Amino acid sequence: MSSTIKVSSTSTASGSIRVAFATNDNENIDAHFGGAKQFNIYDISKESFAISSIIKIQEKNTDKTIALLKGSDIVYFVEIGPAAAAKVINSGVFPIKYKEVVSIDTEILKLQKMLNDNPPPFIKKILEKRAA
């Protein structure tokens, strides 16, 4: 059983991306994909960002977790198994693994800078998909 807490009812704005962060403390990307207590979902654009939902994970089930992340473009975590990584990619979500704990706020600012400057190809592809 898992629960989703909707924080904002706004859909993603044009030119924005939806990003999930695996977190156990609500402040850092500090969780293994399969062991995360929750995923904080943010809508991030060039000018702003807002948390849109918090997905609380009560049951360790990769397929259910991936289903709950539907609509996200990117998911961040500190570790993931190879089978789970393949499933995430096949679901259309771009996985990003950090070897160390990183602040969610720091990563959001980095993503905003990328959106404003010269987004890497995978972000350009996400923006094109969202615009279609």
N, C-alpha and C. Protein backbone atom coordinates (compact mmCIF):
# COMPACT_ATOMS: atom_id res chain seq x y z
N MET A 1 0.84 -1.18 0.00
CA MET A 1 0.00 0.00 0.00
C MET A 1 0.89 1.24 0.00
N SER A 2 0.56 2.18 -0.84
CA SER A 2 1.27 3.45 -0.91
C SER A 2 0.24 4.56 -0.96
N SER A 3 0.64 5.75 -0.60
CA SER A 3 -0.29 6.87 -0.67
C SER A 3 0.38 8.04 -1.35
N THR A 4 -0.43 8.85 -2.03
CA THR A 4 0.05 10.03 -2.70
C THR A 4 -0.62 11.24 -2.08
N ILE A 5 0.19 12.20 -1.69
CA ILE A 5 -0.32 13.45 -1.14
C ILE A 5 -0.15 14.49 -2.22
N LYS A 6 -1.27 15.03 -2.73
CA LYS A 6 -1.22 16.08 -3.74
C LYS A 6 -1.00 17.41 -3.03
N VAL A 7 0.02 18.12 -3.44
CA VAL A 7 0.33 19.39 -2.81
C VAL A 7 -0.17 20.54 -3.66
N SER A 8 -0.05 20.40 -4.96
CA SER A 8 -0.46 21.44 -5.89
C SER A 8 -1.30 20.79 -6.97
N SER A 9 -2.37 21.46 -7.35
CA SER A 9 -3.24 20.87 -8.37
C SER A 9 -2.90 21.35 -9.77
N THR A 10 -1.90 22.21 -9.90
CA THR A 10 -1.55 22.74 -11.21
C THR A 10 -0.81 21.67 -12.02
N SER A 11 -1.11 21.65 -13.30
CA SER A 11 -0.37 20.72 -14.17
C SER A 11 0.94 21.39 -14.56
N THR A 12 1.82 20.62 -15.15
CA THR A 12 3.11 21.19 -15.51
C THR A 12 2.94 22.28 -16.56
N ALA A 13 3.60 23.39 -16.33
CA ALA A 13 3.54 24.52 -17.24
C ALA A 13 4.37 24.21 -18.48
N SER A 14 4.11 24.95 -19.53
CA SER A 14 4.89 24.80 -20.75
C SER A 14 6.36 25.10 -20.44
N GLY A 15 7.25 24.27 -20.96
CA GLY A 15 8.67 24.47 -20.72
C GLY A 15 9.14 23.96 -19.37
N SER A 16 8.30 23.18 -18.70
CA SER A 16 8.71 22.66 -17.40
C SER A 16 8.88 21.15 -17.47
N ILE A 17 9.58 20.64 -16.47
CA ILE A 17 9.78 19.21 -16.35
C ILE A 17 9.29 18.75 -14.99
N ARG A 18 8.88 17.50 -14.89
CA ARG A 18 8.42 16.92 -13.63
C ARG A 18 9.49 15.95 -13.14
N VAL A 19 9.98 16.20 -11.93
CA VAL A 19 11.13 15.47 -11.41
C VAL A 19 10.78 14.85 -10.06
N ALA A 20 11.14 13.57 -9.91
CA ALA A 20 10.92 12.84 -8.66
C ALA A 20 12.26 12.67 -7.95
N PHE A 21 12.26 12.91 -6.65
CA PHE A 21 13.47 12.75 -5.83
C PHE A 21 13.22 11.69 -4.77
N ALA A 22 14.03 10.63 -4.76
CA ALA A 22 13.93 9.60 -3.73
C ALA A 22 14.53 10.17 -2.45
N THR A 23 13.71 10.23 -1.39
CA THR A 23 14.18 10.86 -0.16
C THR A 23 13.65 10.15 1.07
N ASN A 24 14.45 10.16 2.09
CA ASN A 24 14.01 9.65 3.39
C ASN A 24 13.87 10.77 4.40
N ASP A 25 14.43 11.96 4.07
CA ASP A 25 14.40 13.06 5.04
C ASP A 25 13.73 14.34 4.53
N ASN A 26 13.16 14.30 3.32
CA ASN A 26 12.46 15.45 2.71
C ASN A 26 13.39 16.59 2.29
N GLU A 27 14.68 16.46 2.49
CA GLU A 27 15.60 17.53 2.14
C GLU A 27 16.67 17.11 1.15
N ASN A 28 16.98 15.81 1.12
CA ASN A 28 18.09 15.33 0.32
C ASN A 28 17.68 14.16 -0.58
N ILE A 29 18.44 14.03 -1.66
CA ILE A 29 18.36 12.82 -2.48
C ILE A 29 19.24 11.83 -1.72
N ASP A 30 18.63 11.01 -0.88
CA ASP A 30 19.40 10.18 0.05
C ASP A 30 18.89 8.74 0.13
N ALA A 31 18.11 8.32 -0.86
CA ALA A 31 17.50 7.00 -0.75
C ALA A 31 17.79 6.14 -1.98
N HIS A 32 17.89 4.84 -1.73
CA HIS A 32 17.95 3.82 -2.78
C HIS A 32 16.57 3.79 -3.43
N PHE A 33 16.51 3.63 -4.75
CA PHE A 33 15.22 3.61 -5.43
C PHE A 33 14.25 2.64 -4.77
N GLY A 34 14.70 1.43 -4.50
CA GLY A 34 13.83 0.41 -3.94
C GLY A 34 13.59 0.53 -2.45
N GLY A 35 14.35 1.39 -1.77
CA GLY A 35 14.21 1.51 -0.33
C GLY A 35 13.72 2.88 0.13
N ALA A 36 13.38 3.74 -0.82
CA ALA A 36 12.95 5.09 -0.46
C ALA A 36 11.64 5.05 0.32
N LYS A 37 11.56 5.89 1.34
CA LYS A 37 10.32 6.03 2.10
C LYS A 37 9.32 6.86 1.31
N GLN A 38 9.84 7.75 0.47
CA GLN A 38 8.95 8.57 -0.34
C GLN A 38 9.69 9.19 -1.52
N PHE A 39 8.91 9.67 -2.45
CA PHE A 39 9.40 10.42 -3.60
C PHE A 39 8.69 11.77 -3.58
N ASN A 40 9.47 12.84 -3.57
CA ASN A 40 8.91 14.17 -3.66
C ASN A 40 8.94 14.58 -5.13
N ILE A 41 7.78 14.95 -5.66
CA ILE A 41 7.64 15.27 -7.07
C ILE A 41 7.54 16.79 -7.24
N TYR A 42 8.42 17.34 -8.07
CA TYR A 42 8.44 18.78 -8.32
C TYR A 42 8.20 19.07 -9.78
N ASP A 43 7.53 20.17 -10.06
CA ASP A 43 7.43 20.73 -11.40
C ASP A 43 8.44 21.87 -11.44
N ILE A 44 9.37 21.80 -12.38
CA ILE A 44 10.47 22.75 -12.45
C ILE A 44 10.49 23.42 -13.81
N SER A 45 10.51 24.75 -13.81
CA SER A 45 10.61 25.51 -15.05
C SER A 45 11.80 26.45 -14.94
N LYS A 46 12.02 27.25 -15.98
CA LYS A 46 13.14 28.19 -15.98
C LYS A 46 13.03 29.19 -14.83
N GLU A 47 11.81 29.63 -14.54
CA GLU A 47 11.61 30.70 -13.56
C GLU A 47 11.19 30.22 -12.18
N SER A 48 10.60 29.04 -12.09
CA SER A 48 10.03 28.65 -10.80
C SER A 48 10.05 27.13 -10.62
N PHE A 49 9.68 26.74 -9.41
CA PHE A 49 9.49 25.33 -9.11
C PHE A 49 8.46 25.22 -8.01
N ALA A 50 7.76 24.09 -8.01
CA ALA A 50 6.76 23.84 -6.96
C ALA A 50 6.65 22.34 -6.74
N ILE A 51 6.49 21.97 -5.49
CA ILE A 51 6.26 20.55 -5.21
C ILE A 51 4.82 20.25 -5.61
N SER A 52 4.62 19.19 -6.37
CA SER A 52 3.27 18.87 -6.81
C SER A 52 2.67 17.71 -6.04
N SER A 53 3.52 16.78 -5.58
CA SER A 53 2.99 15.67 -4.78
C SER A 53 4.11 14.98 -4.03
N ILE A 54 3.71 14.25 -3.02
CA ILE A 54 4.61 13.42 -2.24
C ILE A 54 4.04 12.01 -2.27
N ILE A 55 4.83 11.08 -2.77
CA ILE A 55 4.39 9.69 -2.84
C ILE A 55 5.05 8.94 -1.69
N LYS A 56 4.25 8.51 -0.75
CA LYS A 56 4.74 7.75 0.40
C LYS A 56 4.74 6.27 0.02
N ILE A 57 5.87 5.61 0.21
CA ILE A 57 6.01 4.20 -0.16
C ILE A 57 5.91 3.35 1.10
N GLN A 58 4.89 2.51 1.16
CA GLN A 58 4.74 1.63 2.32
C GLN A 58 5.04 0.17 1.99
N GLU A 59 5.14 -0.12 0.70
CA GLU A 59 5.39 -1.50 0.27
C GLU A 59 6.51 -1.50 -0.76
N LYS A 60 7.55 -2.28 -0.52
CA LYS A 60 8.66 -2.34 -1.46
C LYS A 60 8.26 -3.22 -2.65
N ASN A 61 7.86 -2.57 -3.74
CA ASN A 61 7.44 -3.25 -4.95
C ASN A 61 7.83 -2.35 -6.12
N THR A 62 8.85 -2.73 -6.85
CA THR A 62 9.38 -1.91 -7.93
C THR A 62 8.32 -1.52 -8.95
N ASP A 63 7.51 -2.49 -9.38
CA ASP A 63 6.50 -2.21 -10.41
C ASP A 63 5.48 -1.19 -9.91
N LYS A 64 5.06 -1.31 -8.66
CA LYS A 64 4.08 -0.36 -8.11
C LYS A 64 4.70 1.02 -7.95
N THR A 65 5.96 1.06 -7.51
CA THR A 65 6.64 2.35 -7.36
C THR A 65 6.76 3.03 -8.72
N ILE A 66 7.14 2.30 -9.74
CA ILE A 66 7.25 2.88 -11.09
C ILE A 66 5.89 3.38 -11.57
N ALA A 67 4.84 2.63 -11.30
CA ALA A 67 3.49 3.07 -11.69
C ALA A 67 3.13 4.38 -10.99
N LEU A 68 3.52 4.53 -9.73
CA LEU A 68 3.23 5.76 -8.99
C LEU A 68 4.02 6.95 -9.54
N LEU A 69 5.15 6.69 -10.18
CA LEU A 69 5.98 7.76 -10.74
C LEU A 69 5.55 8.16 -12.15
N LYS A 70 4.50 7.51 -12.66
CA LYS A 70 4.01 7.82 -14.01
C LYS A 70 3.73 9.32 -14.12
N GLY A 71 4.18 9.91 -15.19
CA GLY A 71 4.02 11.35 -15.37
C GLY A 71 5.28 12.12 -15.02
N SER A 72 6.20 11.47 -14.31
CA SER A 72 7.49 12.10 -14.01
C SER A 72 8.40 11.94 -15.22
N ASP A 73 9.28 12.90 -15.41
CA ASP A 73 10.23 12.84 -16.52
C ASP A 73 11.58 12.28 -16.09
N ILE A 74 11.97 12.61 -14.85
CA ILE A 74 13.28 12.23 -14.32
C ILE A 74 13.07 11.74 -12.89
N VAL A 75 13.85 10.74 -12.48
CA VAL A 75 13.86 10.33 -11.08
C VAL A 75 15.30 10.27 -10.60
N TYR A 76 15.55 10.87 -9.44
CA TYR A 76 16.87 10.88 -8.81
C TYR A 76 16.88 9.95 -7.61
N PHE A 77 18.04 9.31 -7.36
CA PHE A 77 18.20 8.40 -6.23
C PHE A 77 19.69 8.20 -6.02
N VAL A 78 20.07 7.51 -4.92
CA VAL A 78 21.50 7.25 -4.69
C VAL A 78 21.92 5.86 -5.16
N GLU A 79 20.97 4.98 -5.39
CA GLU A 79 21.32 3.62 -5.85
C GLU A 79 20.08 2.99 -6.46
N ILE A 80 20.32 2.04 -7.37
CA ILE A 80 19.22 1.29 -7.99
C ILE A 80 19.80 -0.02 -8.52
N GLY A 81 19.01 -1.07 -8.46
CA GLY A 81 19.43 -2.34 -9.02
C GLY A 81 19.27 -2.33 -10.54
N PRO A 82 20.00 -3.20 -11.25
CA PRO A 82 19.94 -3.20 -12.71
C PRO A 82 18.55 -3.52 -13.27
N ALA A 83 17.83 -4.45 -12.67
CA ALA A 83 16.49 -4.79 -13.17
C ALA A 83 15.54 -3.62 -12.98
N ALA A 84 15.60 -2.97 -11.82
CA ALA A 84 14.75 -1.81 -11.56
C ALA A 84 15.10 -0.66 -12.50
N ALA A 85 16.39 -0.45 -12.75
CA ALA A 85 16.82 0.62 -13.66
C ALA A 85 16.24 0.39 -15.06
N ALA A 86 16.28 -0.83 -15.53
CA ALA A 86 15.72 -1.15 -16.85
C ALA A 86 14.22 -0.87 -16.89
N LYS A 87 13.52 -1.21 -15.82
CA LYS A 87 12.07 -0.97 -15.75
C LYS A 87 11.76 0.53 -15.73
N VAL A 88 12.56 1.30 -15.01
CA VAL A 88 12.37 2.75 -14.96
C VAL A 88 12.54 3.34 -16.36
N ILE A 89 13.61 2.96 -17.03
CA ILE A 89 13.88 3.46 -18.38
C ILE A 89 12.75 3.06 -19.33
N ASN A 90 12.32 1.81 -19.26
CA ASN A 90 11.24 1.33 -20.14
C ASN A 90 9.91 2.02 -19.87
N SER A 91 9.75 2.58 -18.67
CA SER A 91 8.50 3.29 -18.35
C SER A 91 8.52 4.72 -18.89
N GLY A 92 9.66 5.14 -19.44
CA GLY A 92 9.76 6.48 -20.00
C GLY A 92 10.29 7.52 -19.04
N VAL A 93 10.78 7.10 -17.88
CA VAL A 93 11.35 8.02 -16.90
C VAL A 93 12.88 7.92 -16.99
N PHE A 94 13.55 9.06 -16.99
CA PHE A 94 15.01 9.10 -17.10
C PHE A 94 15.61 8.99 -15.70
N PRO A 95 16.38 7.93 -15.42
CA PRO A 95 16.96 7.75 -14.08
C PRO A 95 18.30 8.48 -13.93
N ILE A 96 18.50 9.12 -12.78
CA ILE A 96 19.78 9.75 -12.48
C ILE A 96 20.23 9.30 -11.10
N LYS A 97 21.42 8.69 -11.08
CA LYS A 97 21.97 8.14 -9.83
C LYS A 97 23.12 9.02 -9.35
N TYR A 98 23.07 9.35 -8.07
CA TYR A 98 24.18 10.03 -7.42
C TYR A 98 24.88 9.06 -6.50
N LYS A 99 26.19 9.15 -6.43
CA LYS A 99 26.94 8.28 -5.52
C LYS A 99 26.91 8.82 -4.10
N GLU A 100 26.66 10.12 -3.95
CA GLU A 100 26.63 10.72 -2.62
C GLU A 100 25.29 11.43 -2.41
N VAL A 101 24.98 11.74 -1.18
CA VAL A 101 23.76 12.45 -0.84
C VAL A 101 23.87 13.89 -1.33
N VAL A 102 22.81 14.37 -1.99
CA VAL A 102 22.77 15.72 -2.54
C VAL A 102 21.48 16.38 -2.09
N SER A 103 21.54 17.67 -1.79
CA SER A 103 20.36 18.44 -1.41
C SER A 103 19.39 18.54 -2.59
N ILE A 104 18.10 18.33 -2.32
CA ILE A 104 17.07 18.49 -3.36
C ILE A 104 17.09 19.92 -3.89
N ASP A 105 17.18 20.90 -3.00
CA ASP A 105 17.20 22.31 -3.42
C ASP A 105 18.37 22.60 -4.35
N THR A 106 19.54 22.05 -4.04
CA THR A 106 20.72 22.24 -4.88
C THR A 106 20.47 21.68 -6.28
N GLU A 107 19.87 20.51 -6.34
CA GLU A 107 19.62 19.88 -7.64
C GLU A 107 18.55 20.64 -8.42
N ILE A 108 17.54 21.15 -7.75
CA ILE A 108 16.51 21.95 -8.44
C ILE A 108 17.15 23.19 -9.07
N LEU A 109 18.02 23.88 -8.32
CA LEU A 109 18.69 25.06 -8.86
C LEU A 109 19.56 24.70 -10.06
N LYS A 110 20.22 23.55 -9.99
CA LYS A 110 21.05 23.09 -11.11
C LYS A 110 20.18 22.82 -12.35
N LEU A 111 19.01 22.19 -12.13
CA LEU A 111 18.10 21.92 -13.25
C LEU A 111 17.57 23.22 -13.85
N GLN A 112 17.24 24.20 -13.00
CA GLN A 112 16.77 25.49 -13.52
C GLN A 112 17.86 26.17 -14.35
N LYS A 113 19.10 26.10 -13.88
CA LYS A 113 20.20 26.69 -14.63
C LYS A 113 20.33 26.00 -16.00
N MET A 114 20.21 24.66 -16.01
CA MET A 114 20.27 23.92 -17.28
C MET A 114 19.15 24.36 -18.22
N LEU A 115 17.93 24.51 -17.69
CA LEU A 115 16.79 24.92 -18.51
C LEU A 115 17.01 26.31 -19.09
N ASN A 116 17.64 27.20 -18.34
CA ASN A 116 17.87 28.58 -18.78
C ASN A 116 19.06 28.72 -19.72
N ASP A 117 20.06 27.88 -19.55
CA ASP A 117 21.27 28.00 -20.36
C ASP A 117 21.14 27.14 -21.61
N ASN A 118 21.77 26.00 -21.59
CA ASN A 118 21.75 25.11 -22.75
C ASN A 118 21.42 23.71 -22.24
N PRO A 119 20.14 23.32 -22.24
CA PRO A 119 19.78 22.01 -21.70
C PRO A 119 20.49 20.88 -22.44
N PRO A 120 20.91 19.84 -21.71
CA PRO A 120 21.51 18.67 -22.37
C PRO A 120 20.46 17.97 -23.23
N PRO A 121 20.91 17.15 -24.17
CA PRO A 121 19.98 16.49 -25.09
C PRO A 121 18.80 15.77 -24.42
N PHE A 122 19.04 15.08 -23.29
CA PHE A 122 17.94 14.34 -22.68
C PHE A 122 16.87 15.29 -22.14
N ILE A 123 17.24 16.47 -21.68
CA ILE A 123 16.24 17.44 -21.20
C ILE A 123 15.53 18.08 -22.40
N LYS A 124 16.25 18.36 -23.47
CA LYS A 124 15.61 18.88 -24.69
C LYS A 124 14.55 17.90 -25.18
N LYS A 125 14.87 16.62 -25.14
CA LYS A 125 13.94 15.58 -25.58
C LYS A 125 12.69 15.57 -24.69
N ILE A 126 12.87 15.71 -23.38
CA ILE A 126 11.74 15.76 -22.44
C ILE A 126 10.86 16.97 -22.76
N LEU A 127 11.48 18.13 -22.98
CA LEU A 127 10.71 19.34 -23.27
C LEU A 127 9.93 19.21 -24.58
N GLU A 128 10.55 18.58 -25.58
CA GLU A 128 9.85 18.35 -26.85
C GLU A 128 8.67 17.41 -26.66
N LYS A 129 8.86 16.36 -25.85
CA LYS A 129 7.78 15.40 -25.59
C LYS A 129 6.63 16.10 -24.86
N ARG A 130 6.94 16.94 -23.89
CA ARG A 130 5.91 17.65 -23.12
C ARG A 130 5.16 18.65 -23.99
N ALA A 131 5.86 19.27 -24.96
CA ALA A 131 5.23 20.27 -25.83
C ALA A 131 4.28 19.63 -26.84
N ALA A 132 4.53 18.36 -27.17
CA ALA A 132 3.72 17.68 -28.19
C ALA A 132 2.33 17.32 -27.68
